[in-house]
Amino acid sequence: MIGLSGCAGFLGTDGSELDGNGTVDVEDTDPGATNVNQTLRAGINDSVAGSEWTAIGATYPRDEFTVDAAQHENISLGVDTDGDGEVDREFNETHISGVNNNAYSFDITLDTDYTLEEGDTVMVQYPAIDNPSEAGDYEVEIRVNDQRMSTSSLTIE
């Protein structure tokens, strides 16, 4: 498991540009790479602000990516509350009540006791995704509390 010291556990951009959008950052962008760590970020808007953070998930293009099961202790979760790109609130495997996946998506249910605020950025690093065999741009849907937050482009090269 990658540590969460500051924002060290999460890959890619700082997320400060989200403003209700999301990003997907990939540890390995090679076509066909397996068990790739992917970091998803979703900016919180008024559709879920004021509610407890209870779930995060993603759906990948069917028949392109493969999403495998991940153990709770291998999933990293956090919230950037002040927009500086660093995790201000960390959550670990004790906050995960379930992880469900199928061939092209994952959903993580949480018990965080954390109330989402507009402007927060929630982050999850999921460690068990196989890239498609062909290079290209792919759309990934990111959900928070079962609400679609964004569709983000992911480039495999």
N, C-alpha and C. Protein backbone atom coordinates (compact mmCIF):
# COMPACT_ATOMS: atom_id res chain seq x y z
N MET A 1 0.83 -1.17 0.00
CA MET A 1 0.00 0.00 0.00
C MET A 1 0.88 1.23 0.00
N ILE A 2 0.48 2.20 -0.74
CA ILE A 2 1.21 3.46 -0.81
C ILE A 2 0.73 4.34 0.32
N GLY A 3 1.62 4.99 1.02
CA GLY A 3 1.25 5.84 2.14
C GLY A 3 0.52 7.10 1.71
N LEU A 4 -0.12 7.75 2.69
CA LEU A 4 -0.86 8.97 2.41
C LEU A 4 -0.21 10.19 3.05
N SER A 5 1.04 10.16 3.33
CA SER A 5 1.70 11.29 3.92
C SER A 5 1.57 12.49 2.98
N GLY A 6 0.94 13.53 3.45
CA GLY A 6 0.63 14.65 2.58
C GLY A 6 -0.27 14.15 1.48
N CYS A 7 0.20 14.19 0.26
CA CYS A 7 -0.57 13.67 -0.87
C CYS A 7 0.24 12.60 -1.59
N ALA A 8 1.25 12.07 -0.91
CA ALA A 8 2.19 11.18 -1.56
C ALA A 8 1.56 9.91 -2.09
N GLY A 9 0.47 9.45 -1.50
CA GLY A 9 -0.15 8.21 -1.93
C GLY A 9 -0.93 8.34 -3.21
N PHE A 10 -1.23 9.54 -3.61
CA PHE A 10 -2.07 9.74 -4.78
C PHE A 10 -1.24 10.22 -5.96
N LEU A 11 -1.62 9.75 -7.13
CA LEU A 11 -0.90 10.05 -8.35
C LEU A 11 -1.42 11.30 -9.02
N GLY A 12 -0.59 11.96 -9.80
CA GLY A 12 -1.04 12.95 -10.77
C GLY A 12 -1.29 14.33 -10.24
N THR A 13 -2.29 14.99 -10.85
CA THR A 13 -2.56 16.39 -10.62
C THR A 13 -3.02 16.67 -9.21
N ASP A 14 -2.98 17.93 -8.82
CA ASP A 14 -3.36 18.27 -7.46
C ASP A 14 -4.86 18.40 -7.27
N GLY A 15 -5.65 18.41 -8.33
CA GLY A 15 -7.09 18.44 -8.20
C GLY A 15 -7.66 19.82 -7.95
N SER A 16 -6.82 20.85 -7.79
CA SER A 16 -7.33 22.17 -7.45
C SER A 16 -8.15 22.79 -8.57
N GLU A 17 -8.03 22.28 -9.78
CA GLU A 17 -8.76 22.83 -10.92
C GLU A 17 -10.11 22.16 -11.13
N LEU A 18 -10.53 21.29 -10.23
CA LEU A 18 -11.71 20.47 -10.48
C LEU A 18 -13.02 21.25 -10.56
N ASP A 19 -13.37 22.00 -9.50
CA ASP A 19 -14.59 22.79 -9.49
C ASP A 19 -15.79 21.99 -10.00
N GLY A 20 -16.07 20.85 -9.35
CA GLY A 20 -17.21 20.03 -9.74
C GLY A 20 -16.91 18.99 -10.80
N ASN A 21 -15.69 18.94 -11.28
CA ASN A 21 -15.30 17.96 -12.28
C ASN A 21 -14.46 16.88 -11.63
N GLY A 22 -13.89 16.01 -12.44
CA GLY A 22 -13.06 14.96 -11.90
C GLY A 22 -11.87 14.68 -12.78
N THR A 23 -10.93 13.93 -12.23
CA THR A 23 -9.76 13.50 -12.99
C THR A 23 -9.47 12.05 -12.67
N VAL A 24 -8.82 11.38 -13.61
CA VAL A 24 -8.31 10.03 -13.41
C VAL A 24 -6.84 10.05 -13.79
N ASP A 25 -5.99 9.69 -12.84
CA ASP A 25 -4.56 9.63 -13.09
C ASP A 25 -4.11 8.18 -12.98
N VAL A 26 -3.22 7.78 -13.89
CA VAL A 26 -2.82 6.39 -14.02
C VAL A 26 -1.33 6.24 -13.77
N GLU A 27 -0.96 5.26 -12.97
CA GLU A 27 0.44 5.00 -12.67
C GLU A 27 1.19 4.49 -13.91
N ASP A 28 0.52 3.70 -14.74
CA ASP A 28 1.14 3.11 -15.93
C ASP A 28 0.17 3.26 -17.09
N THR A 29 0.54 4.06 -18.10
CA THR A 29 -0.36 4.31 -19.23
C THR A 29 -0.11 3.38 -20.41
N ASP A 30 0.72 2.36 -20.23
CA ASP A 30 1.01 1.43 -21.32
C ASP A 30 -0.21 0.57 -21.65
N PRO A 31 -0.50 0.39 -22.93
CA PRO A 31 -1.58 -0.53 -23.30
C PRO A 31 -1.29 -1.93 -22.75
N GLY A 32 -2.32 -2.58 -22.20
CA GLY A 32 -2.17 -3.93 -21.69
C GLY A 32 -1.57 -4.05 -20.31
N ALA A 33 -1.18 -2.93 -19.68
CA ALA A 33 -0.62 -3.00 -18.33
C ALA A 33 -1.66 -3.56 -17.36
N THR A 34 -1.20 -4.36 -16.40
CA THR A 34 -2.12 -5.00 -15.46
C THR A 34 -1.89 -4.52 -14.03
N ASN A 35 -2.93 -4.66 -13.21
CA ASN A 35 -2.89 -4.26 -11.79
C ASN A 35 -2.35 -2.84 -11.62
N VAL A 36 -2.91 -1.93 -12.39
CA VAL A 36 -2.47 -0.54 -12.41
C VAL A 36 -3.17 0.24 -11.30
N ASN A 37 -2.40 1.05 -10.57
CA ASN A 37 -2.98 1.99 -9.61
C ASN A 37 -3.58 3.15 -10.38
N GLN A 38 -4.82 3.47 -10.07
CA GLN A 38 -5.47 4.63 -10.66
C GLN A 38 -6.01 5.51 -9.54
N THR A 39 -5.76 6.81 -9.64
CA THR A 39 -6.26 7.76 -8.67
C THR A 39 -7.37 8.57 -9.31
N LEU A 40 -8.55 8.54 -8.67
CA LEU A 40 -9.70 9.29 -9.15
C LEU A 40 -9.97 10.42 -8.17
N ARG A 41 -10.26 11.59 -8.73
CA ARG A 41 -10.60 12.77 -7.93
C ARG A 41 -11.93 13.30 -8.41
N ALA A 42 -12.76 13.69 -7.47
CA ALA A 42 -14.05 14.28 -7.82
C ALA A 42 -14.28 15.51 -6.97
N GLY A 43 -14.53 16.63 -7.62
CA GLY A 43 -14.88 17.86 -6.92
C GLY A 43 -16.33 17.77 -6.47
N ILE A 44 -16.57 18.16 -5.24
CA ILE A 44 -17.91 18.09 -4.66
C ILE A 44 -18.69 19.34 -5.02
N ASN A 45 -19.92 19.11 -5.51
CA ASN A 45 -20.81 20.23 -5.82
C ASN A 45 -22.05 20.14 -4.94
N ASP A 46 -23.02 21.00 -5.21
CA ASP A 46 -24.18 21.08 -4.33
C ASP A 46 -25.08 19.85 -4.37
N SER A 47 -24.89 18.94 -5.34
CA SER A 47 -25.75 17.75 -5.40
C SER A 47 -25.48 16.78 -4.25
N VAL A 48 -24.27 16.78 -3.68
CA VAL A 48 -23.98 15.90 -2.54
C VAL A 48 -23.44 16.66 -1.33
N ALA A 49 -23.17 17.96 -1.48
CA ALA A 49 -22.68 18.75 -0.35
C ALA A 49 -23.71 18.70 0.78
N GLY A 50 -23.21 18.58 1.99
CA GLY A 50 -24.08 18.51 3.16
C GLY A 50 -24.44 17.10 3.57
N SER A 51 -24.07 16.10 2.75
CA SER A 51 -24.34 14.71 3.10
C SER A 51 -23.06 14.02 3.54
N GLU A 52 -23.20 12.92 4.28
CA GLU A 52 -22.03 12.14 4.68
C GLU A 52 -21.44 11.46 3.47
N TRP A 53 -20.11 11.36 3.41
CA TRP A 53 -19.43 10.64 2.33
C TRP A 53 -19.61 9.15 2.57
N THR A 54 -20.46 8.51 1.76
CA THR A 54 -20.81 7.11 1.96
C THR A 54 -20.39 6.19 0.82
N ALA A 55 -19.98 6.75 -0.32
CA ALA A 55 -19.61 5.89 -1.44
C ALA A 55 -18.80 6.65 -2.47
N ILE A 56 -17.96 5.90 -3.17
CA ILE A 56 -17.25 6.41 -4.34
C ILE A 56 -17.09 5.25 -5.31
N GLY A 57 -17.20 5.54 -6.59
CA GLY A 57 -17.07 4.48 -7.58
C GLY A 57 -16.75 5.02 -8.95
N ALA A 58 -16.49 4.10 -9.85
CA ALA A 58 -16.16 4.48 -11.23
C ALA A 58 -16.63 3.38 -12.18
N THR A 59 -16.99 3.83 -13.38
CA THR A 59 -17.34 2.90 -14.45
C THR A 59 -16.44 3.19 -15.64
N TYR A 60 -15.79 2.14 -16.14
CA TYR A 60 -14.87 2.22 -17.26
C TYR A 60 -15.57 1.70 -18.51
N PRO A 61 -15.06 2.02 -19.69
CA PRO A 61 -15.67 1.50 -20.92
C PRO A 61 -15.71 -0.04 -20.91
N ARG A 62 -16.88 -0.57 -21.11
CA ARG A 62 -17.09 -2.01 -21.13
C ARG A 62 -16.23 -2.65 -22.22
N ASP A 63 -15.66 -3.79 -21.94
CA ASP A 63 -14.82 -4.55 -22.87
C ASP A 63 -13.50 -3.86 -23.21
N GLU A 64 -13.13 -2.83 -22.45
CA GLU A 64 -11.83 -2.16 -22.67
C GLU A 64 -10.93 -2.35 -21.44
N PHE A 65 -11.39 -1.93 -20.28
CA PHE A 65 -10.64 -2.07 -19.03
C PHE A 65 -11.17 -3.28 -18.29
N THR A 66 -10.33 -3.85 -17.42
CA THR A 66 -10.78 -4.90 -16.52
C THR A 66 -10.54 -4.42 -15.10
N VAL A 67 -11.60 -4.43 -14.30
CA VAL A 67 -11.51 -4.01 -12.90
C VAL A 67 -11.56 -5.26 -12.04
N ASP A 68 -10.46 -5.52 -11.34
CA ASP A 68 -10.38 -6.69 -10.47
C ASP A 68 -10.71 -6.30 -9.02
N ALA A 69 -10.91 -7.29 -8.18
CA ALA A 69 -11.19 -7.06 -6.77
C ALA A 69 -9.95 -6.48 -6.09
N ALA A 70 -10.19 -5.63 -5.11
CA ALA A 70 -9.10 -5.04 -4.34
C ALA A 70 -9.41 -5.22 -2.85
N GLN A 71 -8.40 -5.55 -2.09
CA GLN A 71 -8.55 -5.67 -0.65
C GLN A 71 -8.69 -4.28 -0.03
N HIS A 72 -9.46 -4.20 1.03
CA HIS A 72 -9.70 -2.91 1.69
C HIS A 72 -8.40 -2.19 2.04
N GLU A 73 -7.42 -2.94 2.54
CA GLU A 73 -6.17 -2.30 2.98
C GLU A 73 -5.32 -1.78 1.82
N ASN A 74 -5.66 -2.13 0.59
CA ASN A 74 -4.91 -1.65 -0.58
C ASN A 74 -5.55 -0.45 -1.26
N ILE A 75 -6.64 0.04 -0.70
CA ILE A 75 -7.35 1.19 -1.26
C ILE A 75 -7.03 2.41 -0.39
N SER A 76 -6.67 3.52 -1.03
CA SER A 76 -6.38 4.76 -0.32
C SER A 76 -7.51 5.74 -0.56
N LEU A 77 -7.93 6.44 0.49
CA LEU A 77 -9.02 7.41 0.41
C LEU A 77 -8.63 8.69 1.13
N GLY A 78 -9.11 9.82 0.62
CA GLY A 78 -8.83 11.07 1.29
C GLY A 78 -9.69 12.19 0.76
N VAL A 79 -9.65 13.32 1.49
CA VAL A 79 -10.38 14.52 1.09
C VAL A 79 -9.44 15.70 1.19
N ASP A 80 -9.39 16.49 0.11
CA ASP A 80 -8.70 17.78 0.10
C ASP A 80 -9.78 18.80 0.43
N THR A 81 -9.70 19.42 1.59
CA THR A 81 -10.74 20.35 2.04
C THR A 81 -10.46 21.80 1.69
N ASP A 82 -9.20 22.12 1.34
CA ASP A 82 -8.86 23.52 1.12
C ASP A 82 -8.34 23.82 -0.29
N GLY A 83 -8.41 22.84 -1.20
CA GLY A 83 -8.06 23.09 -2.59
C GLY A 83 -6.58 23.20 -2.89
N ASP A 84 -5.72 22.78 -1.96
CA ASP A 84 -4.28 22.89 -2.21
C ASP A 84 -3.69 21.63 -2.83
N GLY A 85 -4.53 20.61 -3.07
CA GLY A 85 -4.06 19.39 -3.70
C GLY A 85 -3.52 18.36 -2.73
N GLU A 86 -3.49 18.65 -1.45
CA GLU A 86 -3.00 17.71 -0.45
C GLU A 86 -4.17 17.16 0.35
N VAL A 87 -4.04 15.91 0.76
CA VAL A 87 -5.07 15.26 1.56
C VAL A 87 -5.08 15.88 2.95
N ASP A 88 -6.24 16.42 3.33
CA ASP A 88 -6.41 16.99 4.66
C ASP A 88 -7.08 16.02 5.62
N ARG A 89 -7.89 15.13 5.08
CA ARG A 89 -8.56 14.09 5.87
C ARG A 89 -8.27 12.75 5.22
N GLU A 90 -7.67 11.83 5.96
CA GLU A 90 -7.35 10.50 5.46
C GLU A 90 -8.34 9.50 6.01
N PHE A 91 -8.65 8.48 5.20
CA PHE A 91 -9.51 7.39 5.62
C PHE A 91 -8.81 6.09 5.23
N ASN A 92 -8.94 5.08 6.08
CA ASN A 92 -8.25 3.82 5.81
C ASN A 92 -9.25 2.68 5.70
N GLU A 93 -8.73 1.45 5.72
CA GLU A 93 -9.59 0.29 5.52
C GLU A 93 -10.68 0.15 6.57
N THR A 94 -10.51 0.75 7.75
CA THR A 94 -11.55 0.67 8.77
C THR A 94 -12.79 1.48 8.39
N HIS A 95 -12.65 2.40 7.44
CA HIS A 95 -13.77 3.22 6.98
C HIS A 95 -14.49 2.60 5.79
N ILE A 96 -13.96 1.50 5.26
CA ILE A 96 -14.56 0.84 4.10
C ILE A 96 -15.46 -0.28 4.59
N SER A 97 -16.74 -0.19 4.23
CA SER A 97 -17.67 -1.25 4.64
C SER A 97 -17.88 -2.27 3.54
N GLY A 98 -17.49 -1.95 2.31
CA GLY A 98 -17.62 -2.90 1.23
C GLY A 98 -16.96 -2.42 -0.04
N VAL A 99 -16.50 -3.37 -0.84
CA VAL A 99 -15.94 -3.08 -2.16
C VAL A 99 -16.59 -4.06 -3.13
N ASN A 100 -17.29 -3.53 -4.11
CA ASN A 100 -17.92 -4.36 -5.13
C ASN A 100 -17.32 -3.99 -6.48
N ASN A 101 -17.06 -5.00 -7.28
CA ASN A 101 -16.57 -4.73 -8.63
C ASN A 101 -17.19 -5.73 -9.59
N ASN A 102 -17.21 -5.34 -10.85
CA ASN A 102 -17.51 -6.28 -11.91
C ASN A 102 -16.41 -6.08 -12.94
N ALA A 103 -16.56 -6.57 -14.12
CA ALA A 103 -15.49 -6.52 -15.11
C ALA A 103 -15.11 -5.10 -15.52
N TYR A 104 -15.98 -4.11 -15.30
CA TYR A 104 -15.70 -2.77 -15.81
C TYR A 104 -16.01 -1.64 -14.82
N SER A 105 -16.28 -1.93 -13.55
CA SER A 105 -16.55 -0.87 -12.59
C SER A 105 -16.21 -1.31 -11.18
N PHE A 106 -16.12 -0.32 -10.28
CA PHE A 106 -16.01 -0.62 -8.86
C PHE A 106 -16.84 0.39 -8.08
N ASP A 107 -17.31 -0.04 -6.92
CA ASP A 107 -18.03 0.81 -5.99
C ASP A 107 -17.55 0.49 -4.58
N ILE A 108 -17.20 1.52 -3.86
CA ILE A 108 -16.71 1.37 -2.50
C ILE A 108 -17.72 2.04 -1.58
N THR A 109 -18.25 1.30 -0.61
CA THR A 109 -19.15 1.88 0.38
C THR A 109 -18.33 2.20 1.63
N LEU A 110 -18.68 3.34 2.22
CA LEU A 110 -17.87 3.90 3.30
C LEU A 110 -18.70 4.21 4.53
N ASP A 111 -18.02 4.24 5.66
CA ASP A 111 -18.58 4.72 6.91
C ASP A 111 -17.56 5.71 7.46
N THR A 112 -17.67 6.97 7.01
CA THR A 112 -16.63 7.96 7.32
C THR A 112 -17.00 8.95 8.41
N ASP A 113 -18.29 9.17 8.62
CA ASP A 113 -18.75 10.25 9.51
C ASP A 113 -18.21 11.60 9.05
N TYR A 114 -17.88 11.72 7.76
CA TYR A 114 -17.39 12.99 7.21
C TYR A 114 -18.49 13.62 6.35
N THR A 115 -18.83 14.86 6.65
CA THR A 115 -19.84 15.59 5.88
C THR A 115 -19.15 16.34 4.73
N LEU A 116 -19.55 16.00 3.51
CA LEU A 116 -18.98 16.64 2.32
C LEU A 116 -19.40 18.10 2.25
N GLU A 117 -18.47 18.93 1.82
CA GLU A 117 -18.75 20.35 1.64
C GLU A 117 -18.46 20.73 0.20
N GLU A 118 -19.24 21.67 -0.32
CA GLU A 118 -18.99 22.16 -1.68
C GLU A 118 -17.57 22.71 -1.73
N GLY A 119 -16.82 22.31 -2.73
CA GLY A 119 -15.42 22.71 -2.86
C GLY A 119 -14.45 21.64 -2.40
N ASP A 120 -14.91 20.65 -1.62
CA ASP A 120 -14.04 19.51 -1.27
C ASP A 120 -13.68 18.74 -2.53
N THR A 121 -12.57 18.06 -2.49
CA THR A 121 -12.20 17.10 -3.53
C THR A 121 -11.96 15.76 -2.85
N VAL A 122 -12.77 14.76 -3.21
CA VAL A 122 -12.57 13.43 -2.66
C VAL A 122 -11.66 12.65 -3.61
N MET A 123 -10.84 11.77 -3.03
CA MET A 123 -9.87 11.03 -3.82
C MET A 123 -9.88 9.57 -3.40
N VAL A 124 -9.71 8.71 -4.37
CA VAL A 124 -9.55 7.29 -4.11
C VAL A 124 -8.47 6.75 -5.04
N GLN A 125 -7.62 5.90 -4.49
CA GLN A 125 -6.66 5.19 -5.33
C GLN A 125 -7.06 3.72 -5.30
N TYR A 126 -7.36 3.20 -6.49
CA TYR A 126 -7.80 1.82 -6.65
C TYR A 126 -6.68 1.07 -7.38
N PRO A 127 -6.20 -0.06 -6.80
CA PRO A 127 -4.97 -0.68 -7.29
C PRO A 127 -5.10 -1.85 -8.26
N ALA A 128 -6.28 -2.14 -8.78
CA ALA A 128 -6.42 -3.40 -9.50
C ALA A 128 -7.15 -3.24 -10.83
N ILE A 129 -6.62 -2.40 -11.70
CA ILE A 129 -7.27 -2.14 -12.99
C ILE A 129 -6.31 -2.49 -14.11
N ASP A 130 -6.80 -3.24 -15.08
CA ASP A 130 -6.01 -3.59 -16.25
C ASP A 130 -6.36 -2.64 -17.39
N ASN A 131 -5.32 -2.07 -18.01
CA ASN A 131 -5.53 -1.15 -19.13
C ASN A 131 -6.01 -1.89 -20.37
N PRO A 132 -6.67 -1.17 -21.28
CA PRO A 132 -7.05 -1.78 -22.55
C PRO A 132 -5.81 -2.12 -23.38
N SER A 133 -5.98 -2.99 -24.34
CA SER A 133 -4.85 -3.42 -25.16
C SER A 133 -4.47 -2.41 -26.22
N GLU A 134 -5.34 -1.44 -26.49
CA GLU A 134 -5.06 -0.43 -27.51
C GLU A 134 -4.95 0.96 -26.91
N ALA A 135 -4.00 1.74 -27.43
CA ALA A 135 -3.85 3.14 -27.01
C ALA A 135 -5.09 3.93 -27.42
N GLY A 136 -5.36 5.00 -26.69
CA GLY A 136 -6.48 5.86 -27.04
C GLY A 136 -6.99 6.63 -25.84
N ASP A 137 -8.00 7.44 -26.07
CA ASP A 137 -8.66 8.19 -25.01
C ASP A 137 -9.94 7.46 -24.64
N TYR A 138 -10.14 7.30 -23.33
CA TYR A 138 -11.29 6.56 -22.81
C TYR A 138 -12.00 7.41 -21.78
N GLU A 139 -13.31 7.32 -21.73
CA GLU A 139 -14.11 8.08 -20.77
C GLU A 139 -14.42 7.22 -19.54
N VAL A 140 -14.18 7.79 -18.36
CA VAL A 140 -14.43 7.12 -17.09
C VAL A 140 -15.44 7.95 -16.31
N GLU A 141 -16.52 7.31 -15.87
CA GLU A 141 -17.53 7.99 -15.05
C GLU A 141 -17.16 7.84 -13.58
N ILE A 142 -17.16 8.96 -12.86
CA ILE A 142 -16.86 8.95 -11.43
C ILE A 142 -18.14 9.29 -10.66
N ARG A 143 -18.43 8.48 -9.62
CA ARG A 143 -19.62 8.69 -8.80
C ARG A 143 -19.20 8.93 -7.35
N VAL A 144 -19.94 9.82 -6.69
CA VAL A 144 -19.80 10.02 -5.26
C VAL A 144 -21.20 9.92 -4.67
N ASN A 145 -21.34 9.07 -3.64
CA ASN A 145 -22.65 8.84 -3.01
C ASN A 145 -23.71 8.49 -4.05
N ASP A 146 -23.32 7.66 -5.00
CA ASP A 146 -24.21 7.16 -6.06
C ASP A 146 -24.74 8.26 -6.99
N GLN A 147 -24.13 9.43 -6.96
CA GLN A 147 -24.47 10.53 -7.88
C GLN A 147 -23.33 10.68 -8.88
N ARG A 148 -23.66 10.76 -10.13
CA ARG A 148 -22.63 10.98 -11.15
C ARG A 148 -22.05 12.37 -10.98
N MET A 149 -20.73 12.42 -10.77
CA MET A 149 -20.06 13.70 -10.55
C MET A 149 -19.39 14.20 -11.82
N SER A 150 -18.84 13.28 -12.61
CA SER A 150 -18.14 13.70 -13.82
C SER A 150 -17.86 12.52 -14.72
N THR A 151 -17.55 12.83 -15.94
CA THR A 151 -16.98 11.88 -16.88
C THR A 151 -15.64 12.44 -17.28
N SER A 152 -14.58 11.71 -17.00
CA SER A 152 -13.22 12.17 -17.21
C SER A 152 -12.53 11.36 -18.27
N SER A 153 -11.68 12.03 -19.03
CA SER A 153 -10.94 11.36 -20.09
C SER A 153 -9.65 10.79 -19.51
N LEU A 154 -9.34 9.55 -19.92
CA LEU A 154 -8.14 8.85 -19.51
C LEU A 154 -7.41 8.43 -20.77
N THR A 155 -6.13 8.80 -20.88
CA THR A 155 -5.36 8.50 -22.07
C THR A 155 -4.42 7.32 -21.81
N ILE A 156 -4.53 6.30 -22.65
CA ILE A 156 -3.60 5.17 -22.65
C ILE A 156 -2.73 5.36 -23.87
N GLU A 157 -1.40 5.35 -23.67
CA GLU A 157 -0.48 5.63 -24.79
C GLU A 157 0.61 4.61 -24.93
